[in-house]
PDB file of N, CA and C in Angstrom:
ATOM      1  N   MET A   1     201.201 106.083  48.396  1.00  0.00           N
ATOM      2  CA  MET A   1     202.649 106.096  48.408  1.00  0.00           C
ATOM      3  C   MET A   1     203.219 104.727  48.753  1.00  0.00           C
ATOM      4  N   ALA A   2     202.447 103.884  49.409  1.00  0.00           N
ATOM      5  CA  ALA A   2     202.960 102.554  49.761  1.00  0.00           C
ATOM      6  C   ALA A   2     203.353 101.790  48.496  1.00  0.00           C
ATOM      7  N   TRP A   3     202.543 101.917  47.444  1.00  0.00           N
ATOM      8  CA  TRP A   3     202.860 101.251  46.182  1.00  0.00           C
ATOM      9  C   TRP A   3     204.193 101.753  45.638  1.00  0.00           C
ATOM     10  N   TYR A   4     204.376 103.063  45.582  1.00  0.00           N
ATOM     11  CA  TYR A   4     205.612 103.640  45.051  1.00  0.00           C
ATOM     12  C   TYR A   4     206.809 103.262  45.924  1.00  0.00           C
ATOM     13  N   ASN A   5     206.638 103.313  47.230  1.00  0.00           N
ATOM     14  CA  ASN A   5     207.735 102.973  48.141  1.00  0.00           C
ATOM     15  C   ASN A   5     208.170 101.522  47.993  1.00  0.00           C
ATOM     16  N   ALA A   6     207.256 100.651  47.582  1.00  0.00           N
ATOM     17  CA  ALA A   6     207.585  99.226  47.426  1.00  0.00           C
ATOM     18  C   ALA A   6     208.298  98.929  46.102  1.00  0.00           C
ATOM     19  N   LEU A   7     208.329  99.889  45.191  1.00  0.00           N
ATOM     20  CA  LEU A   7     208.993  99.666  43.905  1.00  0.00           C
ATOM     21  C   LEU A   7     210.507  99.605  44.070  1.00  0.00           C
ATOM     22  N   GLU A   8     211.159  98.838  43.198  1.00  0.00           N
ATOM     23  CA  GLU A   8     212.620  98.865  43.121  1.00  0.00           C
ATOM     24  C   GLU A   8     213.026 100.204  42.542  1.00  0.00           C
ATOM     25  N   LYS A   9     214.045 100.823  43.161  1.00  0.00           N
ATOM     26  CA  LYS A   9     214.516 102.126  42.689  1.00  0.00           C
ATOM     27  C   LYS A   9     216.037 102.140  42.709  1.00  0.00           C
ATOM     28  N   PRO A  10     216.643 102.973  41.846  1.00  0.00           N
ATOM     29  CA  PRO A  10     218.103 103.084  41.876  1.00  0.00           C
ATOM     30  C   PRO A  10     218.585 103.644  43.216  1.00  0.00           C
ATOM     31  N   SER A  11     219.820 103.341  43.556  1.00  0.00           N
ATOM     32  CA  SER A  11     220.378 103.806  44.837  1.00  0.00           C
ATOM     33  C   SER A  11     220.461 105.326  44.921  1.00  0.00           C
ATOM     34  N   TRP A  12     220.496 105.988  43.792  1.00  0.00           N
ATOM     35  CA  TRP A  12     220.645 107.447  43.772  1.00  0.00           C
ATOM     36  C   TRP A  12     219.297 108.187  43.769  1.00  0.00           C
ATOM     37  N   THR A  13     218.217 107.469  43.996  1.00  0.00           N
ATOM     38  CA  THR A  13     216.886 108.089  44.018  1.00  0.00           C
ATOM     39  C   THR A  13     216.821 109.163  45.102  1.00  0.00           C
ATOM     40  N   PRO A  14     216.442 110.387  44.730  1.00  0.00           N
ATOM     41  CA  PRO A  14     216.336 111.450  45.744  1.00  0.00           C
ATOM     42  C   PRO A  14     215.239 111.138  46.761  1.00  0.00           C
ATOM     43  N   GLU A  15     215.420 111.678  47.943  1.00  0.00           N
ATOM     44  CA  GLU A  15     214.407 111.551  48.990  1.00  0.00           C
ATOM     45  C   GLU A  15     213.155 112.321  48.572  1.00  0.00           C
ATOM     46  N   PRO A  16     211.963 111.853  48.981  1.00  0.00           N
ATOM     47  CA  PRO A  16     210.724 112.568  48.637  1.00  0.00           C
ATOM     48  C   PRO A  16     210.749 114.045  49.040  1.00  0.00           C
ATOM     49  N   ALA A  17     211.343 114.377  50.179  1.00  0.00           N
ATOM     50  CA  ALA A  17     211.398 115.771  50.617  1.00  0.00           C
ATOM     51  C   ALA A  17     212.203 116.621  49.627  1.00  0.00           C
ATOM     52  N   PHE A  18     213.270 116.064  49.081  1.00  0.00           N
ATOM     53  CA  PHE A  18     214.081 116.794  48.110  1.00  0.00           C
ATOM     54  C   PHE A  18     213.298 117.007  46.814  1.00  0.00           C
ATOM     55  N   ILE A  19     212.584 115.974  46.399  1.00  0.00           N
ATOM     56  CA  ILE A  19     211.762 116.091  45.188  1.00  0.00           C
ATOM     57  C   ILE A  19     210.720 117.192  45.385  1.00  0.00           C
ATOM     58  N   GLY A  20     210.079 117.198  46.541  1.00  0.00           N
ATOM     59  CA  GLY A  20     209.097 118.247  46.836  1.00  0.00           C
ATOM     60  C   GLY A  20     209.718 119.629  46.834  1.00  0.00           C
ATOM     61  N   LEU A  21     210.907 119.756  47.396  1.00  0.00           N
ATOM     62  CA  LEU A  21     211.607 121.040  47.411  1.00  0.00           C
ATOM     63  C   LEU A  21     211.909 121.517  45.994  1.00  0.00           C
ATOM     64  N   MET A  22     212.350 120.611  45.145  1.00  0.00           N
ATOM     65  CA  MET A  22     212.654 120.989  43.767  1.00  0.00           C
ATOM     66  C   MET A  22     211.411 121.561  43.080  1.00  0.00           C
ATOM     67  N   TRP A  23     210.267 120.909  43.276  1.00  0.00           N
ATOM     68  CA  TRP A  23     209.043 121.409  42.640  1.00  0.00           C
ATOM     69  C   TRP A  23     208.599 122.725  43.260  1.00  0.00           C
ATOM     70  N   GLN A  24     208.855 122.929  44.545  1.00  0.00           N
ATOM     71  CA  GLN A  24     208.518 124.217  45.168  1.00  0.00           C
ATOM     72  C   GLN A  24     209.343 125.347  44.566  1.00  0.00           C
ATOM     73  N   ILE A  25     210.550 125.044  44.145  1.00  0.00           N
ATOM     74  CA  ILE A  25     211.397 126.033  43.479  1.00  0.00           C
ATOM     75  C   ILE A  25     210.945 126.233  42.034  1.00  0.00           C
ATOM     76  N   LEU A  26     210.616 125.143  41.348  1.00  0.00           N
ATOM     77  CA  LEU A  26     210.298 125.209  39.919  1.00  0.00           C
ATOM     78  C   LEU A  26     208.913 125.774  39.626  1.00  0.00           C
ATOM     79  N   TYR A  27     207.931 125.471  40.440  1.00  0.00           N
ATOM     80  CA  TYR A  27     206.577 125.918  40.126  1.00  0.00           C
ATOM     81  C   TYR A  27     206.446 127.440  39.994  1.00  0.00           C
ATOM     82  N   PRO A  28     207.082 128.245  40.837  1.00  0.00           N
ATOM     83  CA  PRO A  28     206.999 129.697  40.600  1.00  0.00           C
ATOM     84  C   PRO A  28     207.645 130.120  39.272  1.00  0.00           C
ATOM     85  N   ILE A  29     208.748 129.480  38.910  1.00  0.00           N
ATOM     86  CA  ILE A  29     209.385 129.776  37.618  1.00  0.00           C
ATOM     87  C   ILE A  29     208.434 129.419  36.485  1.00  0.00           C
ATOM     88  N   ILE A  30     207.825 128.260  36.587  1.00  0.00           N
ATOM     89  CA  ILE A  30     206.871 127.806  35.575  1.00  0.00           C
ATOM     90  C   ILE A  30     205.684 128.768  35.519  1.00  0.00           C
ATOM     91  N   LEU A  31     205.145 129.132  36.656  1.00  0.00           N
ATOM     92  CA  LEU A  31     203.988 130.037  36.705  1.00  0.00           C
ATOM     93  C   LEU A  31     204.289 131.360  36.002  1.00  0.00           C
ATOM     94  N   VAL A  32     205.405 131.966  36.338  1.00  0.00           N
ATOM     95  CA  VAL A  32     205.737 133.277  35.773  1.00  0.00           C
ATOM     96  C   VAL A  32     206.049 133.174  34.287  1.00  0.00           C
ATOM     97  N   THR A  33     206.897 132.218  33.908  1.00  0.00           N
ATOM     98  CA  THR A  33     207.308 132.152  32.502  1.00  0.00           C
ATOM     99  C   THR A  33     206.190 131.679  31.590  1.00  0.00           C
ATOM    100  N   PHE A  34     205.450 130.667  32.026  1.00  0.00           N
ATOM    101  CA  PHE A  34     204.336 130.192  31.213  1.00  0.00           C
ATOM    102  C   PHE A  34     203.264 131.272  31.127  1.00  0.00           C
ATOM    103  N   GLY A  35     202.988 131.935  32.272  1.00  0.00           N
ATOM    104  CA  GLY A  35     202.000 133.008  32.272  1.00  0.00           C
ATOM    105  C   GLY A  35     202.378 134.112  31.300  1.00  0.00           C
ATOM    106  N   TYR A  36     203.649 134.483  31.302  1.00  0.00           N
ATOM    107  CA  TYR A  36     204.122 135.510  30.377  1.00  0.00           C
ATOM    108  C   TYR A  36     203.880 135.084  28.931  1.00  0.00           C
ATOM    109  N   VAL A  37     204.266 133.870  28.604  1.00  0.00           N
ATOM    110  CA  VAL A  37     204.110 133.385  27.223  1.00  0.00           C
ATOM    111  C   VAL A  37     202.641 133.357  26.827  1.00  0.00           C
ATOM    112  N   PHE A  38     201.781 132.825  27.688  1.00  0.00           N
ATOM    113  CA  PHE A  38     200.362 132.739  27.348  1.00  0.00           C
ATOM    114  C   PHE A  38     199.742 134.132  27.185  1.00  0.00           C
ATOM    115  N   VAL A  39     200.052 135.046  28.093  1.00  0.00           N
ATOM    116  CA  VAL A  39     199.499 136.404  27.998  1.00  0.00           C
ATOM    117  C   VAL A  39     199.991 137.087  26.731  1.00  0.00           C
ATOM    118  N   GLN A  40     201.281 136.972  26.437  1.00  0.00           N
ATOM    119  CA  GLN A  40     201.822 137.619  25.236  1.00  0.00           C
ATOM    120  C   GLN A  40     201.243 136.998  23.960  1.00  0.00           C
ATOM    121  N   ALA A  41     201.001 135.701  23.966  1.00  0.00           N
ATOM    122  CA  ALA A  41     200.384 135.054  22.797  1.00  0.00           C
ATOM    123  C   ALA A  41     198.936 135.513  22.629  1.00  0.00           C
ATOM    124  N   ILE A  42     198.206 135.621  23.718  1.00  0.00           N
ATOM    125  CA  ILE A  42     196.823 136.089  23.650  1.00  0.00           C
ATOM    126  C   ILE A  42     196.771 137.536  23.151  1.00  0.00           C
ATOM    127  N   ARG A  43     197.716 138.351  23.572  1.00  0.00           N
ATOM    128  CA  ARG A  43     197.773 139.760  23.152  1.00  0.00           C
ATOM    129  C   ARG A  43     198.297 139.930  21.725  1.00  0.00           C
ATOM    130  N   GLY A  44     198.765 138.841  21.128  1.00  0.00           N
ATOM    131  CA  GLY A  44     199.291 138.916  19.775  1.00  0.00           C
ATOM    132  C   GLY A  44     200.728 139.405  19.701  1.00  0.00           C
ATOM    133  N   LYS A  45     201.404 139.487  20.828  1.00  0.00           N
ATOM    134  CA  LYS A  45     202.790 139.945  20.847  1.00  0.00           C
ATOM    135  C   LYS A  45     203.779 138.794  20.650  1.00  0.00           C
ATOM    136  N   LEU A  46     203.284 137.588  20.746  1.00  0.00           N
ATOM    137  CA  LEU A  46     204.047 136.377  20.427  1.00  0.00           C
ATOM    138  C   LEU A  46     203.182 135.551  19.487  1.00  0.00           C
ATOM    139  N   PRO A  47     203.788 134.906  18.508  1.00  0.00           N
ATOM    140  CA  PRO A  47     202.987 134.006  17.674  1.00  0.00           C
ATOM    141  C   PRO A  47     202.398 132.882  18.539  1.00  0.00           C
ATOM    142  N   ARG A  48     201.208 132.498  18.230  1.00  0.00           N
ATOM    143  CA  ARG A  48     200.550 131.465  19.051  1.00  0.00           C
ATOM    144  C   ARG A  48     201.301 130.141  19.037  1.00  0.00           C
ATOM    145  N   TYR A  49     202.014 129.858  17.929  1.00  0.00           N
ATOM    146  CA  TYR A  49     202.753 128.593  17.881  1.00  0.00           C
ATOM    147  C   TYR A  49     203.851 128.543  18.948  1.00  0.00           C
ATOM    148  N   VAL A  50     204.300 129.693  19.434  1.00  0.00           N
ATOM    149  CA  VAL A  50     205.300 129.713  20.508  1.00  0.00           C
ATOM    150  C   VAL A  50     204.684 129.187  21.800  1.00  0.00           C
ATOM    151  N   ALA A  51     203.414 129.452  22.016  1.00  0.00           N
ATOM    152  CA  ALA A  51     202.737 129.002  23.233  1.00  0.00           C
ATOM    153  C   ALA A  51     202.367 127.522  23.191  1.00  0.00           C
ATOM    154  N   LEU A  52     202.334 126.939  21.996  1.00  0.00           N
ATOM    155  CA  LEU A  52     201.906 125.535  21.875  1.00  0.00           C
ATOM    156  C   LEU A  52     202.738 124.572  22.715  1.00  0.00           C
ATOM    157  N   PRO A  53     204.072 124.587  22.647  1.00  0.00           N
ATOM    158  CA  PRO A  53     204.811 123.635  23.481  1.00  0.00           C
ATOM    159  C   PRO A  53     204.627 123.899  24.975  1.00  0.00           C
ATOM    160  N   PHE A  54     204.401 125.161  25.349  1.00  0.00           N
ATOM    161  CA  PHE A  54     204.140 125.471  26.755  1.00  0.00           C
ATOM    162  C   PHE A  54     202.818 124.839  27.202  1.00  0.00           C
ATOM    163  N   ALA A  55     201.805 124.915  26.346  1.00  0.00           N
ATOM    164  CA  ALA A  55     200.501 124.325  26.674  1.00  0.00           C
ATOM    165  C   ALA A  55     200.594 122.803  26.775  1.00  0.00           C
ATOM    166  N   ILE A  56     201.265 122.194  25.812  1.00  0.00           N
ATOM    167  CA  ILE A  56     201.415 120.736  25.834  1.00  0.00           C
ATOM    168  C   ILE A  56     202.196 120.314  27.070  1.00  0.00           C
ATOM    169  N   ASN A  57     203.253 121.058  27.388  1.00  0.00           N
ATOM    170  CA  ASN A  57     204.059 120.740  28.567  1.00  0.00           C
ATOM    171  C   ASN A  57     203.229 120.823  29.836  1.00  0.00           C
ATOM    172  N   LEU A  58     202.420 121.862  29.936  1.00  0.00           N
ATOM    173  CA  LEU A  58     201.596 122.044  31.126  1.00  0.00           C
ATOM    174  C   LEU A  58     200.662 120.854  31.328  1.00  0.00           C
ATOM    175  N   VAL A  59     200.008 120.435  30.264  1.00  0.00           N
ATOM    176  CA  VAL A  59     199.091 119.295  30.357  1.00  0.00           C
ATOM    177  C   VAL A  59     199.862 118.027  30.715  1.00  0.00           C
ATOM    178  N   ALA A  60     200.974 117.780  30.022  1.00  0.00           N
ATOM    179  CA  ALA A  60     201.756 116.566  30.275  1.00  0.00           C
ATOM    180  C   ALA A  60     202.289 116.552  31.706  1.00  0.00           C
ATOM    181  N   ASN A  61     202.726 117.700  32.196  1.00  0.00           N
ATOM    182  CA  ASN A  61     203.221 117.779  33.569  1.00  0.00           C
ATOM    183  C   ASN A  61     202.091 117.479  34.563  1.00  0.00           C
ATOM    184  N   LEU A  62     200.928 118.050  34.323  1.00  0.00           N
ATOM    185  CA  LEU A  62     199.804 117.860  35.243  1.00  0.00           C
ATOM    186  C   LEU A  62     199.282 116.426  35.266  1.00  0.00           C
ATOM    187  N   ILE A  63     199.376 115.716  34.159  1.00  0.00           N
ATOM    188  CA  ILE A  63     198.828 114.347  34.152  1.00  0.00           C
ATOM    189  C   ILE A  63     199.831 113.299  34.608  1.00  0.00           C
ATOM    190  N   PHE A  64     201.088 113.684  34.829  1.00  0.00           N
ATOM    191  CA  PHE A  64     202.080 112.696  35.258  1.00  0.00           C
ATOM    192  C   PHE A  64     201.673 112.025  36.570  1.00  0.00           C
ATOM    193  N   THR A  65     201.332 112.818  37.569  1.00  0.00           N
ATOM    194  CA  THR A  65     201.005 112.246  38.881  1.00  0.00           C
ATOM    195  C   THR A  65     199.800 111.297  38.825  1.00  0.00           C
ATOM    196  N   PRO A  66     198.700 111.669  38.167  1.00  0.00           N
ATOM    197  CA  PRO A  66     197.602 110.700  38.070  1.00  0.00           C
ATOM    198  C   PRO A  66     197.992 109.415  37.324  1.00  0.00           C
ATOM    199  N   ILE A  67     198.837 109.532  36.319  1.00  0.00           N
ATOM    200  CA  ILE A  67     199.275 108.331  35.594  1.00  0.00           C
ATOM    201  C   ILE A  67     200.154 107.472  36.495  1.00  0.00           C
ATOM    202  N   GLN A  68     201.132 108.104  37.126  1.00  0.00           N
ATOM    203  CA  GLN A  68     202.101 107.363  37.937  1.00  0.00           C
ATOM    204  C   GLN A  68     201.475 106.790  39.202  1.00  0.00           C
ATOM    205  N   PHE A  69     200.750 107.612  39.933  1.00  0.00           N
ATOM    206  CA  PHE A  69     200.264 107.192  41.246  1.00  0.00           C
ATOM    207  C   PHE A  69     198.805 106.764  41.255  1.00  0.00           C
ATOM    208  N   GLY A  70     198.007 107.277  40.314  1.00  0.00           N
ATOM    209  CA  GLY A  70     196.606 106.863  40.224  1.00  0.00           C
ATOM    210  C   GLY A  70     196.467 105.570  39.434  1.00  0.00           C
ATOM    211  N   LEU A  71     196.940 105.611  38.198  1.00  0.00           N
ATOM    212  CA  LEU A  71     196.873 104.410  37.347  1.00  0.00           C
ATOM    213  C   LEU A  71     197.958 103.400  37.682  1.00  0.00           C
ATOM    214  N   ARG A  72     199.030 103.868  38.322  1.00  0.00           N
ATOM    215  CA  ARG A  72     200.192 103.022  38.632  1.00  0.00           C
ATOM    216  C   ARG A  72     200.751 102.395  37.357  1.00  0.00           C
ATOM    217  N   ASN A  73     200.814 103.194  36.334  1.00  0.00           N
ATOM    218  CA  ASN A  73     201.250 102.723  35.026  1.00  0.00           C
ATOM    219  C   ASN A  73     202.641 103.300  34.721  1.00  0.00           C
ATOM    220  N   LEU A  74     203.663 102.540  35.063  1.00  0.00           N
ATOM    221  CA  LEU A  74     205.039 103.014  34.892  1.00  0.00           C
ATOM    222  C   LEU A  74     205.408 103.265  33.431  1.00  0.00           C
ATOM    223  N   PRO A  75     205.077 102.358  32.498  1.00  0.00           N
ATOM    224  CA  PRO A  75     205.436 102.648  31.098  1.00  0.00           C
ATOM    225  C   PRO A  75     204.755 103.910  30.558  1.00  0.00           C
ATOM    226  N   LEU A  76     203.483 104.106  30.871  1.00  0.00           N
ATOM    227  CA  LEU A  76     202.780 105.299  30.398  1.00  0.00           C
ATOM    228  C   LEU A  76     203.345 106.556  31.068  1.00  0.00           C
ATOM    229  N   ALA A  77     203.686 106.460  32.346  1.00  0.00           N
ATOM    230  CA  ALA A  77     204.300 107.589  33.039  1.00  0.00           C
ATOM    231  C   ALA A  77     205.656 107.921  32.419  1.00  0.00           C
ATOM    232  N   THR A  78     206.381 106.907  31.980  1.00  0.00           N
ATOM    233  CA  THR A  78     207.663 107.134  31.308  1.00  0.00           C
ATOM    234  C   THR A  78     207.447 107.866  29.991  1.00  0.00           C
ATOM    235  N   LEU A  79     206.469 107.444  29.219  1.00  0.00           N
ATOM    236  CA  LEU A  79     206.159 108.156  27.970  1.00  0.00           C
ATOM    237  C   LEU A  79     205.764 109.603  28.252  1.00  0.00           C
ATOM    238  N   ASP A  80     204.994 109.795  29.301  1.00  0.00           N
ATOM    239  CA  ASP A  80     204.556 111.141  29.653  1.00  0.00           C
ATOM    240  C   ASP A  80     205.741 112.021  30.038  1.00  0.00           C
ATOM    241  N   ILE A  81     206.643 111.521  30.861  1.00  0.00           N
ATOM    242  CA  ILE A  81     207.768 112.358  31.278  1.00  0.00           C
ATOM    243  C   ILE A  81     208.721 112.624  30.115  1.00  0.00           C
ATOM    244  N   LEU A  82     208.808 111.690  29.173  1.00  0.00           N
ATOM    245  CA  LEU A  82     209.581 111.960  27.957  1.00  0.00           C
ATOM    246  C   LEU A  82     208.943 113.096  27.162  1.00  0.00           C
ATOM    247  N   LEU A  83     207.623 113.142  27.150  1.00  0.00           N
ATOM    248  CA  LEU A  83     206.911 114.244  26.501  1.00  0.00           C
ATOM    249  C   LEU A  83     207.180 115.561  27.235  1.00  0.00           C
ATOM    250  N   VAL A  84     207.155 115.516  28.558  1.00  0.00           N
ATOM    251  CA  VAL A  84     207.463 116.711  29.344  1.00  0.00           C
ATOM    252  C   VAL A  84     208.867 117.207  28.988  1.00  0.00           C
ATOM    253  N   TRP A  85     209.839 116.299  28.993  1.00  0.00           N
ATOM    254  CA  TRP A  85     211.219 116.678  28.684  1.00  0.00           C
ATOM    255  C   TRP A  85     211.326 117.260  27.268  1.00  0.00           C
ATOM    256  N   GLY A  86     210.741 116.570  26.311  1.00  0.00           N
ATOM    257  CA  GLY A  86     210.815 117.029  24.921  1.00  0.00           C
ATOM    258  C   GLY A  86     210.169 118.383  24.708  1.00  0.00           C
ATOM    259  N   THR A  87     209.067 118.622  25.390  1.00  0.00           N
ATOM    260  CA  THR A  87     208.405 119.916  25.211  1.00  0.00           C
ATOM    261  C   THR A  87     209.177 121.043  25.883  1.00  0.00           C
ATOM    262  N   ILE A  88     209.943 120.746  26.912  1.00  0.00           N
ATOM    263  CA  ILE A  88     210.784 121.799  27.503  1.00  0.00           C
ATOM    264  C   ILE A  88     211.824 122.253  26.488  1.00  0.00           C
ATOM    265  N   VAL A  89     212.463 121.290  25.841  1.00  0.00           N
ATOM    266  CA  VAL A  89     213.444 121.636  24.802  1.00  0.00           C
ATOM    267  C   VAL A  89     212.755 122.429  23.690  1.00  0.00           C
ATOM    268  N   TRP A  90     211.591 121.960  23.256  1.00  0.00           N
ATOM    269  CA  TRP A  90     210.825 122.643  22.210  1.00  0.00           C
ATOM    270  C   TRP A  90     210.461 124.061  22.642  1.00  0.00           C
ATOM    271  N   MET A  91     210.026 124.213  23.906  1.00  0.00           N
ATOM    272  CA  MET A  91     209.675 125.534  24.429  1.00  0.00           C
ATOM    273  C   MET A  91     210.860 126.488  24.335  1.00  0.00           C
ATOM    274  N   MET A  92     212.007 126.005  24.760  1.00  0.00           N
ATOM    275  CA  MET A  92     213.201 126.848  24.778  1.00  0.00           C
ATOM    276  C   MET A  92     213.574 127.295  23.365  1.00  0.00           C
ATOM    277  N   VAL A  93     213.484 126.376  22.421  1.00  0.00           N
ATOM    278  CA  VAL A  93     213.794 126.711  21.023  1.00  0.00           C
ATOM    279  C   VAL A  93     212.747 127.680  20.466  1.00  0.00           C
ATOM    280  N   ALA A  94     211.469 127.400  20.730  1.00  0.00           N
ATOM    281  CA  ALA A  94     210.380 128.212  20.169  1.00  0.00           C
ATOM    282  C   ALA A  94     210.403 129.651  20.675  1.00  0.00           C
ATOM    283  N   VAL A  95     210.740 129.847  21.941  1.00  0.00           N
ATOM    284  CA  VAL A  95     210.657 131.192  22.527  1.00  0.00           C
ATOM    285  C   VAL A  95     211.982 131.952  22.417  1.00  0.00           C
ATOM    286  N   TRP A  96     213.065 131.274  22.114  1.00  0.00           N
ATOM    287  CA  TRP A  96     214.392 131.897  22.099  1.00  0.00           C
ATOM    288  C   TRP A  96     214.434 133.195  21.293  1.00  0.00           C
ATOM    289  N   ARG A  97     213.881 133.167  20.110  1.00  0.00           N
ATOM    290  CA  ARG A  97     213.908 134.331  19.208  1.00  0.00           C
ATOM    291  C   ARG A  97     213.180 135.534  19.810  1.00  0.00           C
ATOM    292  N   TYR A  98     212.199 135.276  20.647  1.00  0.00           N
ATOM    293  CA  TYR A  98     211.344 136.338  21.173  1.00  0.00           C
ATOM    294  C   TYR A  98     211.736 136.775  22.590  1.00  0.00           C
ATOM    295  N   SER A  99     212.246 135.831  23.380  1.00  0.00           N
ATOM    296  CA  SER A  99     212.632 136.153  24.758  1.00  0.00           C
ATOM    297  C   SER A  99     213.668 135.152  25.245  1.00  0.00           C
ATOM    298  N   ARG A 100     214.902 135.562  25.183  1.00  0.00           N
ATOM    299  CA  ARG A 100     215.974 134.691  25.670  1.00  0.00           C
ATOM    300  C   ARG A 100     215.871 134.485  27.184  1.00  0.00           C
ATOM    301  N   VAL A 101     215.352 135.486  27.883  1.00  0.00           N
ATOM    302  CA  VAL A 101     215.188 135.364  29.329  1.00  0.00           C
ATOM    303  C   VAL A 101     214.225 134.218  29.657  1.00  0.00           C
ATOM    304  N   ILE A 102     213.102 134.152  28.958  1.00  0.00           N
ATOM    305  CA  ILE A 102     212.129 133.081  29.188  1.00  0.00           C
ATOM    306  C   ILE A 102     212.755 131.733  28.821  1.00  0.00           C
ATOM    307  N   ALA A 103     213.482 131.688  27.719  1.00  0.00           N
ATOM    308  CA  ALA A 103     214.141 130.438  27.312  1.00  0.00           C
ATOM    309  C   ALA A 103     215.147 129.995  28.365  1.00  0.00           C
ATOM    310  N   LEU A 104     215.994 130.894  28.803  1.00  0.00           N
ATOM    311  CA  LEU A 104     217.025 130.553  29.788  1.00  0.00           C
ATOM    312  C   LEU A 104     216.435 130.225  31.160  1.00  0.00           C
ATOM    313  N   ALA A 105     215.294 130.814  31.473  1.00  0.00           N
ATOM    314  CA  ALA A 105     214.632 130.522  32.751  1.00  0.00           C
ATOM    315  C   ALA A 105     214.164 129.072  32.829  1.00  0.00           C
ATOM    316  N   GLN A 106     214.089 128.390  31.689  1.00  0.00           N
ATOM    317  CA  GLN A 106     213.668 126.989  31.674  1.00  0.00           C
ATOM    318  C   GLN A 106     214.810 126.029  32.018  1.00  0.00           C
ATOM    319  N   ILE A 107     216.038 126.530  32.118  1.00  0.00           N
ATOM    320  CA  ILE A 107     217.182 125.647  32.375  1.00  0.00           C
ATOM    321  C   ILE A 107     217.019 124.838  33.664  1.00  0.00           C
ATOM    322  N   PRO A 108     216.622 125.448  34.795  1.00  0.00           N
ATOM    323  CA  PRO A 108     216.432 124.613  35.995  1.00  0.00           C
ATOM    324  C   PRO A 108     215.344 123.551  35.809  1.00  0.00           C
ATOM    325  N   TYR A 109     214.294 123.907  35.116  1.00  0.00           N
ATOM    326  CA  TYR A 109     213.202 122.965  34.840  1.00  0.00           C
ATOM    327  C   TYR A 109     213.722 121.820  33.977  1.00  0.00           C
ATOM    328  N   LEU A 110     214.459 122.155  32.930  1.00  0.00           N
ATOM    329  CA  LEU A 110     215.035 121.124  32.068  1.00  0.00           C
ATOM    330  C   LEU A 110     216.002 120.246  32.850  1.00  0.00           C
ATOM    331  N   GLY A 111     216.810 120.845  33.687  1.00  0.00           N
ATOM    332  CA  GLY A 111     217.763 120.063  34.481  1.00  0.00           C
ATOM    333  C   GLY A 111     217.072 119.074  35.393  1.00  0.00           C
ATOM    334  N   TRP A 112     216.063 119.546  36.124  1.00  0.00           N
ATOM    335  CA  TRP A 112     215.370 118.650  37.049  1.00  0.00           C
ATOM    336  C   TRP A 112     214.593 117.573  36.296  1.00  0.00           C
ATOM    337  N   VAL A 113     213.911 117.950  35.235  1.00  0.00           N
ATOM    338  CA  VAL A 113     213.138 116.956  34.480  1.00  0.00           C
ATOM    339  C   VAL A 113     214.076 115.953  33.803  1.00  0.00           C
ATOM    340  N   SER A 114     215.284 116.362  33.465  1.00  0.00           N
ATOM    341  CA  SER A 114     216.260 115.412  32.915  1.00  0.00           C
ATOM    342  C   SER A 114     216.588 114.342  33.951  1.00  0.00           C
ATOM    343  N   VAL A 115     216.841 114.762  35.176  1.00  0.00           N
ATOM    344  CA  VAL A 115     217.105 113.802  36.259  1.00  0.00           C
ATOM    345  C   VAL A 115     215.875 112.923  36.492  1.00  0.00           C
ATOM    346  N   ALA A 116     214.706 113.551  36.557  1.00  0.00           N
ATOM    347  CA  ALA A 116     213.468 112.803  36.803  1.00  0.00           C
ATOM    348  C   ALA A 116     213.173 111.816  35.681  1.00  0.00           C
ATOM    349  N   THR A 117     213.512 112.183  34.454  1.00  0.00           N
ATOM    350  CA  THR A 117     213.271 111.290  33.311  1.00  0.00           C
ATOM    351  C   THR A 117     214.160 110.053  33.401  1.00  0.00           C
ATOM    352  N   VAL A 118     215.428 110.257  33.695  1.00  0.00           N
ATOM    353  CA  VAL A 118     216.345 109.117  33.845  1.00  0.00           C
ATOM    354  C   VAL A 118     215.887 108.239  35.007  1.00  0.00           C
ATOM    355  N   LEU A 119     215.467 108.865  36.086  1.00  0.00           N
ATOM    356  CA  LEU A 119     214.961 108.118  37.238  1.00  0.00           C
ATOM    357  C   LEU A 119     213.718 107.313  36.868  1.00  0.00           C
ATOM    358  N   GLN A 120     212.781 107.946  36.164  1.00  0.00           N
ATOM    359  CA  GLN A 120     211.552 107.261  35.774  1.00  0.00           C
ATOM    360  C   GLN A 120     211.855 106.071  34.869  1.00  0.00           C
ATOM    361  N   ILE A 121     212.743 106.262  33.922  1.00  0.00           N
ATOM    362  CA  ILE A 121     213.132 105.159  33.035  1.00  0.00           C
ATOM    363  C   ILE A 121     213.738 104.016  33.852  1.00  0.00           C
ATOM    364  N   ALA A 122     214.634 104.361  34.768  1.00  0.00           N
ATOM    365  CA  ALA A 122     215.269 103.333  35.590  1.00  0.00           C
ATOM    366  C   ALA A 122     214.250 102.573  36.432  1.00  0.00           C
ATOM    367  N   ILE A 123     213.336 103.293  37.069  1.00  0.00           N
ATOM    368  CA  ILE A 123     212.316 102.633  37.895  1.00  0.00           C
ATOM    369  C   ILE A 123     211.432 101.726  37.028  1.00  0.00           C
ATOM    370  N   THR A 124     211.074 102.214  35.872  1.00  0.00           N
ATOM    371  CA  THR A 124     210.238 101.408  34.973  1.00  0.00           C
ATOM    372  C   THR A 124     210.954 100.118  34.586  1.00  0.00           C
ATOM    373  N   VAL A 125     212.194 100.234  34.153  1.00  0.00           N
ATOM    374  CA  VAL A 125     212.968  99.044  33.750  1.00  0.00           C
ATOM    375  C   VAL A 125     213.151  98.083  34.917  1.00  0.00           C
ATOM    376  N   MET A 126     213.433  98.613  36.086  1.00  0.00           N
ATOM    377  CA  MET A 126     213.669  97.762  37.263  1.00  0.00           C
ATOM    378  C   MET A 126     212.399  97.039  37.728  1.00  0.00           C
ATOM    379  N   ASN A 127     211.242  97.523  37.336  1.00  0.00           N
ATOM    380  CA  ASN A 127     209.989  96.959  37.843  1.00  0.00           C
ATOM    381  C   ASN A 127     209.130  96.306  36.771  1.00  0.00           C
ATOM    382  N   LEU A 128     209.706  96.037  35.616  1.00  0.00           N
ATOM    383  CA  LEU A 128     208.935  95.353  34.568  1.00  0.00           C
ATOM    384  C   LEU A 128     208.754  93.891  34.892  1.00  0.00           C
TER     385      LEU A 128
END
């Protein structure tokens, strides 16, 4: 964390505790909604292509921290979070026809990742 703390950041950067709280709220939503989509796709009740953006999002979300804090690669982390953001939009569109509840449940995730994406872009630009 010393490396991250030493980076230039915008004045509106949330405190680490707030960021952690946001993920504590979002992870249960992600667990339930993604689990539902994957189970329904495996059972054949949803087309498998509906689960594809959820799978890509899950992988992209999981690799963000190793890219950002392990590799310390801000540009690659920015590309990754853009992928996370884009797949959330894709997920919402893909599942809408089959479950509006699952699509709408992604709104908090999309909102937070939108803020995080703008923050990541700003940090990357400020530290090039």
